[in-house]
Amino acid sequence: MLSELSLLIQDHFDITPDPAAALGDTELTSLDMIELAVRIEDRFGVRITEEAYAQCETLEDLAGYIEQHASAG
């Protein structure tokens, strides 16, 4: 999941994210984060809310959140 999420970010935002870096330290703007949430929902069927972003400190955390909620849904 982490590699798929990283690839999604690379393809759509033209950056190579560090999976262990804080999401706030990425080059993504707040509007990019909203677009990323939409793309995650389209691709993986998991809705990413503001609360979910708040729970996920890193890209690794976000990938874990997606895996957990994709299997639950």
N, C-alpha and C. Protein backbone atom coordinates (compact mmCIF):
# COMPACT_ATOMS: atom_id res chain seq x y z
N MET A 1 0.82 -1.20 0.00
CA MET A 1 0.00 0.00 0.00
C MET A 1 0.87 1.26 0.00
N LEU A 2 1.95 1.22 0.75
CA LEU A 2 2.82 2.39 0.82
C LEU A 2 3.40 2.72 -0.55
N SER A 3 3.82 1.71 -1.27
CA SER A 3 4.39 1.97 -2.60
C SER A 3 3.33 2.49 -3.56
N GLU A 4 2.10 1.98 -3.46
CA GLU A 4 1.02 2.47 -4.32
C GLU A 4 0.69 3.92 -4.00
N LEU A 5 0.66 4.25 -2.71
CA LEU A 5 0.37 5.62 -2.29
C LEU A 5 1.49 6.57 -2.73
N SER A 6 2.72 6.15 -2.57
CA SER A 6 3.86 6.97 -3.01
C SER A 6 3.80 7.21 -4.51
N LEU A 7 3.48 6.16 -5.27
CA LEU A 7 3.37 6.29 -6.72
C LEU A 7 2.24 7.24 -7.11
N LEU A 8 1.12 7.16 -6.40
CA LEU A 8 0.00 8.06 -6.65
C LEU A 8 0.44 9.52 -6.46
N ILE A 9 1.18 9.78 -5.40
CA ILE A 9 1.66 11.13 -5.13
C ILE A 9 2.67 11.56 -6.20
N GLN A 10 3.58 10.67 -6.56
CA GLN A 10 4.56 11.00 -7.59
C GLN A 10 3.88 11.31 -8.92
N ASP A 11 2.92 10.50 -9.30
CA ASP A 11 2.25 10.67 -10.59
C ASP A 11 1.44 11.95 -10.67
N HIS A 12 0.74 12.29 -9.60
CA HIS A 12 -0.19 13.41 -9.66
C HIS A 12 0.37 14.73 -9.16
N PHE A 13 1.41 14.68 -8.33
CA PHE A 13 1.94 15.91 -7.75
C PHE A 13 3.41 16.15 -8.10
N ASP A 14 4.00 15.21 -8.83
CA ASP A 14 5.38 15.34 -9.30
C ASP A 14 6.39 15.58 -8.18
N ILE A 15 6.20 14.87 -7.06
CA ILE A 15 7.18 14.90 -5.98
C ILE A 15 7.43 13.46 -5.54
N THR A 16 8.57 13.22 -4.94
CA THR A 16 8.89 11.91 -4.39
C THR A 16 8.87 12.04 -2.87
N PRO A 17 7.79 11.57 -2.24
CA PRO A 17 7.66 11.76 -0.80
C PRO A 17 8.55 10.80 -0.01
N ASP A 18 8.98 11.25 1.16
CA ASP A 18 9.71 10.40 2.10
C ASP A 18 8.65 9.75 2.99
N PRO A 19 8.52 8.42 2.95
CA PRO A 19 7.46 7.74 3.70
C PRO A 19 7.50 7.98 5.20
N ALA A 20 8.67 8.27 5.75
CA ALA A 20 8.80 8.47 7.19
C ALA A 20 8.71 9.93 7.60
N ALA A 21 8.69 10.84 6.65
CA ALA A 21 8.62 12.27 6.96
C ALA A 21 7.20 12.65 7.37
N ALA A 22 7.10 13.67 8.18
CA ALA A 22 5.79 14.17 8.58
C ALA A 22 5.04 14.68 7.35
N LEU A 23 3.74 14.40 7.31
CA LEU A 23 2.94 14.85 6.16
C LEU A 23 3.04 16.36 5.98
N GLY A 24 3.12 17.08 7.08
CA GLY A 24 3.24 18.53 7.01
C GLY A 24 4.55 19.01 6.42
N ASP A 25 5.54 18.12 6.38
CA ASP A 25 6.85 18.48 5.83
C ASP A 25 6.98 18.16 4.35
N THR A 26 5.93 17.62 3.75
CA THR A 26 5.98 17.33 2.32
C THR A 26 5.79 18.63 1.54
N GLU A 27 5.95 18.55 0.26
CA GLU A 27 5.76 19.72 -0.60
C GLU A 27 4.29 19.92 -0.96
N LEU A 28 3.41 19.12 -0.39
CA LEU A 28 1.99 19.23 -0.71
C LEU A 28 1.35 20.39 0.04
N THR A 29 0.59 21.20 -0.68
CA THR A 29 -0.15 22.29 -0.06
C THR A 29 -1.44 21.74 0.54
N SER A 30 -2.17 22.58 1.25
CA SER A 30 -3.44 22.13 1.82
C SER A 30 -4.43 21.75 0.72
N LEU A 31 -4.40 22.46 -0.40
CA LEU A 31 -5.26 22.09 -1.52
C LEU A 31 -4.83 20.76 -2.14
N ASP A 32 -3.53 20.53 -2.20
CA ASP A 32 -3.02 19.24 -2.68
C ASP A 32 -3.51 18.11 -1.78
N MET A 33 -3.52 18.35 -0.47
CA MET A 33 -3.97 17.32 0.47
C MET A 33 -5.44 16.97 0.25
N ILE A 34 -6.24 17.98 -0.09
CA ILE A 34 -7.65 17.72 -0.40
C ILE A 34 -7.75 16.90 -1.67
N GLU A 35 -6.99 17.28 -2.68
CA GLU A 35 -6.99 16.53 -3.94
C GLU A 35 -6.50 15.10 -3.71
N LEU A 36 -5.49 14.95 -2.86
CA LEU A 36 -4.98 13.61 -2.54
C LEU A 36 -6.08 12.77 -1.89
N ALA A 37 -6.83 13.36 -0.99
CA ALA A 37 -7.92 12.63 -0.34
C ALA A 37 -8.94 12.14 -1.36
N VAL A 38 -9.26 12.97 -2.34
CA VAL A 38 -10.19 12.59 -3.41
C VAL A 38 -9.60 11.45 -4.23
N ARG A 39 -8.35 11.56 -4.57
CA ARG A 39 -7.69 10.51 -5.37
C ARG A 39 -7.60 9.19 -4.60
N ILE A 40 -7.35 9.27 -3.29
CA ILE A 40 -7.31 8.06 -2.47
C ILE A 40 -8.68 7.40 -2.45
N GLU A 41 -9.72 8.20 -2.29
CA GLU A 41 -11.08 7.64 -2.27
C GLU A 41 -11.41 7.00 -3.62
N ASP A 42 -11.04 7.66 -4.71
CA ASP A 42 -11.29 7.11 -6.04
C ASP A 42 -10.52 5.81 -6.27
N ARG A 43 -9.28 5.79 -5.85
CA ARG A 43 -8.39 4.64 -6.13
C ARG A 43 -8.60 3.47 -5.18
N PHE A 44 -8.74 3.78 -3.88
CA PHE A 44 -8.76 2.72 -2.87
C PHE A 44 -10.12 2.55 -2.19
N GLY A 45 -11.05 3.47 -2.45
CA GLY A 45 -12.38 3.36 -1.85
C GLY A 45 -12.41 3.72 -0.37
N VAL A 46 -11.43 4.50 0.07
CA VAL A 46 -11.34 4.89 1.48
C VAL A 46 -11.45 6.40 1.56
N ARG A 47 -12.38 6.87 2.38
CA ARG A 47 -12.56 8.31 2.55
C ARG A 47 -11.57 8.82 3.59
N ILE A 48 -10.82 9.84 3.23
CA ILE A 48 -9.85 10.44 4.14
C ILE A 48 -10.42 11.77 4.63
N THR A 49 -10.71 11.82 5.91
CA THR A 49 -11.27 13.03 6.52
C THR A 49 -10.15 13.86 7.14
N GLU A 50 -10.50 15.04 7.60
CA GLU A 50 -9.51 15.87 8.31
C GLU A 50 -9.02 15.15 9.56
N GLU A 51 -9.94 14.43 10.22
CA GLU A 51 -9.57 13.69 11.42
C GLU A 51 -8.57 12.58 11.08
N ALA A 52 -8.76 11.95 9.94
CA ALA A 52 -7.83 10.90 9.51
C ALA A 52 -6.45 11.49 9.27
N TYR A 53 -6.40 12.63 8.59
CA TYR A 53 -5.11 13.29 8.37
C TYR A 53 -4.46 13.64 9.71
N ALA A 54 -5.28 14.07 10.68
CA ALA A 54 -4.74 14.44 11.98
C ALA A 54 -4.15 13.22 12.70
N GLN A 55 -4.73 12.05 12.48
CA GLN A 55 -4.24 10.81 13.11
C GLN A 55 -2.96 10.30 12.44
N CYS A 56 -2.77 10.64 11.19
CA CYS A 56 -1.66 10.11 10.40
C CYS A 56 -0.54 11.14 10.33
N GLU A 57 0.53 10.86 11.04
CA GLU A 57 1.65 11.80 11.06
C GLU A 57 2.54 11.68 9.83
N THR A 58 2.64 10.46 9.28
CA THR A 58 3.54 10.22 8.15
C THR A 58 2.80 9.54 7.01
N LEU A 59 3.45 9.45 5.88
CA LEU A 59 2.88 8.73 4.74
C LEU A 59 2.70 7.25 5.09
N GLU A 60 3.62 6.71 5.88
CA GLU A 60 3.49 5.33 6.34
C GLU A 60 2.22 5.15 7.16
N ASP A 61 1.93 6.12 8.05
CA ASP A 61 0.70 6.07 8.84
C ASP A 61 -0.53 6.13 7.94
N LEU A 62 -0.48 7.00 6.94
CA LEU A 62 -1.60 7.15 6.02
C LEU A 62 -1.84 5.86 5.24
N ALA A 63 -0.76 5.22 4.81
CA ALA A 63 -0.89 3.94 4.11
C ALA A 63 -1.52 2.89 5.02
N GLY A 64 -1.12 2.87 6.28
CA GLY A 64 -1.71 1.94 7.25
C GLY A 64 -3.18 2.21 7.46
N TYR A 65 -3.54 3.50 7.53
CA TYR A 65 -4.95 3.88 7.69
C TYR A 65 -5.76 3.38 6.50
N ILE A 66 -5.24 3.56 5.31
CA ILE A 66 -5.94 3.13 4.09
C ILE A 66 -6.12 1.61 4.11
N GLU A 67 -5.06 0.88 4.44
CA GLU A 67 -5.15 -0.58 4.50
C GLU A 67 -6.19 -1.03 5.50
N GLN A 68 -6.17 -0.43 6.67
CA GLN A 68 -7.10 -0.80 7.73
C GLN A 68 -8.55 -0.55 7.32
N HIS A 69 -8.80 0.60 6.72
CA HIS A 69 -10.17 0.95 6.37
C HIS A 69 -10.63 0.31 5.07
N ALA A 70 -9.71 -0.03 4.19
CA ALA A 70 -10.09 -0.72 2.96
C ALA A 70 -10.53 -2.14 3.28
N SER A 71 -9.86 -2.78 4.22
CA SER A 71 -10.23 -4.15 4.59
C SER A 71 -11.48 -4.18 5.45
N ALA A 72 -11.76 -3.07 6.16
CA ALA A 72 -12.95 -3.01 7.00
C ALA A 72 -14.20 -2.74 6.17
N GLY A 73 -14.02 -2.11 5.01
CA GLY A 73 -15.17 -1.71 4.20
C GLY A 73 -15.45 -2.73 3.19
